[in-house]
Amino acid sequence: MKFKIFAKFFIVTMLISCSSDTGKQMTIKKFRDPDNTAVFTTKFITIDKKVITRVTHEKEDGAWQFFSDDNFDSFEDVAKVVGLGEVIKIDSTVLELADMQKGYFATRQTKGDKWVVNQHK
């Protein structure tokens, strides 16, 4: 009898906690561009698996660019053109920027940080 009461209490408690609204519902965004859209990045992202800390969405042509904090003298020496889906596989947090308008860029310090979005001047 005590077990039945405990089991019912446990089930009701779980149902209430699972259905309660915490205000933190996660919305999964999706890029309008298909996964095979060519995007620009660097070997630091694709090969070295560095953290993506800057994303730009170019106003002129709508191109997406994904960068780490690494410095380089010549973009041609480190440039990679990959599919958008590959960047998402490397770091799915870029999905948070899927609705970023053309002419804007986003930055952060580390992968756990929130993206800060600004308009290019």
Protein backbone atom coordinates (compact mmCIF):
# COMPACT_ATOMS: atom_id res chain seq x y z
CA MET A 1 0.00 0.00 0.00
CA LYS A 2 2.80 2.45 0.88
CA PHE A 3 4.52 1.61 -2.41
CA LYS A 4 1.36 2.37 -4.43
CA ILE A 5 0.99 5.75 -2.73
CA PHE A 6 4.67 6.53 -3.32
CA ALA A 7 4.45 5.43 -6.98
CA LYS A 8 1.37 7.60 -7.60
CA PHE A 9 3.03 10.56 -5.90
CA PHE A 10 6.18 10.07 -7.94
CA ILE A 11 4.27 9.83 -11.25
CA VAL A 12 2.17 12.92 -10.50
CA THR A 13 5.29 14.86 -9.48
CA MET A 14 7.08 13.89 -12.68
CA LEU A 15 4.10 14.84 -14.84
CA ILE A 16 3.82 18.23 -13.19
CA SER A 17 7.53 18.98 -13.46
CA CYS A 18 7.68 17.88 -17.11
CA SER A 19 4.68 19.93 -18.13
CA SER A 20 5.51 23.08 -16.20
CA ASP A 21 6.53 26.06 -18.30
CA THR A 22 9.99 27.22 -17.31
CA GLY A 23 9.96 30.06 -19.81
CA LYS A 24 13.00 28.59 -21.55
CA GLN A 25 11.48 26.80 -24.46
CA MET A 26 14.14 26.08 -27.04
CA THR A 27 13.39 27.07 -30.58
CA ILE A 28 15.49 25.44 -33.26
CA LYS A 29 16.22 27.87 -36.05
CA LYS A 30 17.09 26.87 -39.58
CA PHE A 31 18.96 28.79 -42.26
CA ARG A 32 16.92 29.77 -45.30
CA ASP A 33 19.89 28.71 -47.42
CA PRO A 34 20.24 24.98 -48.13
CA ASP A 35 22.99 22.99 -46.39
CA ASN A 36 24.99 22.82 -49.62
CA THR A 37 25.22 26.62 -49.92
CA ALA A 38 28.89 27.61 -50.31
CA VAL A 39 30.15 29.62 -47.34
CA PHE A 40 33.55 31.07 -46.51
CA THR A 41 35.59 30.02 -43.53
CA THR A 42 39.19 29.17 -42.68
CA LYS A 43 41.33 26.12 -42.05
CA PHE A 44 41.29 27.14 -38.39
CA ILE A 45 37.58 26.22 -38.27
CA THR A 46 37.49 23.21 -40.60
CA ILE A 47 40.81 21.52 -39.80
CA ASP A 48 41.92 22.84 -36.40
CA LYS A 49 38.32 22.90 -35.06
CA LYS A 50 38.78 26.32 -33.47
CA VAL A 51 35.76 28.07 -31.96
CA ILE A 52 33.71 30.20 -34.34
CA THR A 53 33.76 33.68 -32.82
CA ARG A 54 32.68 35.87 -35.74
CA VAL A 55 29.96 35.36 -38.34
CA THR A 56 29.14 37.80 -41.10
CA HIS A 57 26.20 37.90 -43.49
CA GLU A 58 27.29 40.11 -46.37
CA LYS A 59 24.87 42.80 -47.52
CA GLU A 60 25.99 42.84 -51.15
CA ASP A 61 25.69 39.15 -52.03
CA GLY A 62 24.24 37.44 -48.96
CA ALA A 63 27.40 35.37 -48.44
CA TRP A 64 27.99 33.85 -45.02
CA GLN A 65 31.48 33.89 -43.45
CA PHE A 66 32.59 32.04 -40.32
CA PHE A 67 35.83 32.96 -38.51
CA SER A 68 37.76 32.16 -35.34
CA ASP A 69 39.96 34.60 -33.42
CA ASP A 70 43.05 33.51 -35.36
CA ASN A 71 45.05 36.18 -37.16
CA PHE A 72 46.35 35.70 -40.68
CA ASP A 73 48.22 37.76 -43.23
CA SER A 74 46.59 36.39 -46.34
CA PHE A 75 43.02 35.12 -46.46
CA GLU A 76 43.90 33.11 -49.56
CA ASP A 77 46.40 31.06 -47.52
CA VAL A 78 43.82 29.98 -44.93
CA ALA A 79 40.52 30.26 -46.83
CA LYS A 80 38.13 27.33 -47.18
CA VAL A 81 34.88 27.19 -49.08
CA VAL A 82 32.55 24.58 -47.59
CA GLY A 83 28.85 23.83 -47.45
CA LEU A 84 26.79 25.58 -44.80
CA GLY A 85 25.83 22.18 -43.44
CA GLU A 86 29.47 21.38 -42.71
CA VAL A 87 29.79 24.51 -40.57
CA ILE A 88 26.60 23.57 -38.71
CA LYS A 89 28.07 20.10 -38.01
CA ILE A 90 31.23 21.70 -36.65
CA ASP A 91 29.31 24.12 -34.41
CA SER A 92 25.52 23.91 -34.26
CA THR A 93 25.32 27.09 -32.17
CA VAL A 94 25.60 29.05 -35.43
CA LEU A 95 21.95 28.08 -35.94
CA GLU A 96 21.16 30.82 -33.43
CA LEU A 97 22.15 33.25 -36.21
CA ALA A 98 20.10 31.65 -38.97
CA ASP A 99 17.76 34.65 -39.18
CA MET A 100 20.52 37.28 -39.04
CA GLN A 101 19.85 39.83 -41.76
CA LYS A 102 22.22 40.71 -44.58
CA GLY A 103 24.60 43.48 -43.59
CA TYR A 104 25.00 42.23 -40.02
CA PHE A 105 27.73 40.40 -38.11
CA ALA A 106 27.83 38.54 -34.82
CA THR A 107 30.67 38.03 -32.35
CA ARG A 108 31.36 36.17 -29.13
CA GLN A 109 34.40 35.27 -27.04
CA THR A 110 33.80 31.55 -26.45
CA LYS A 111 31.41 28.87 -27.65
CA GLY A 112 29.26 29.17 -24.51
CA ASP A 113 28.76 32.93 -24.85
CA LYS A 114 25.71 34.60 -26.34
CA TRP A 115 26.14 36.01 -29.82
CA VAL A 116 26.24 39.82 -30.00
CA VAL A 117 24.76 40.97 -33.30
CA ASN A 118 25.63 44.33 -34.87
CA GLN A 119 25.00 46.04 -38.18
CA HIS A 120 27.95 46.76 -40.48
CA LYS A 121 28.53 50.50 -40.80
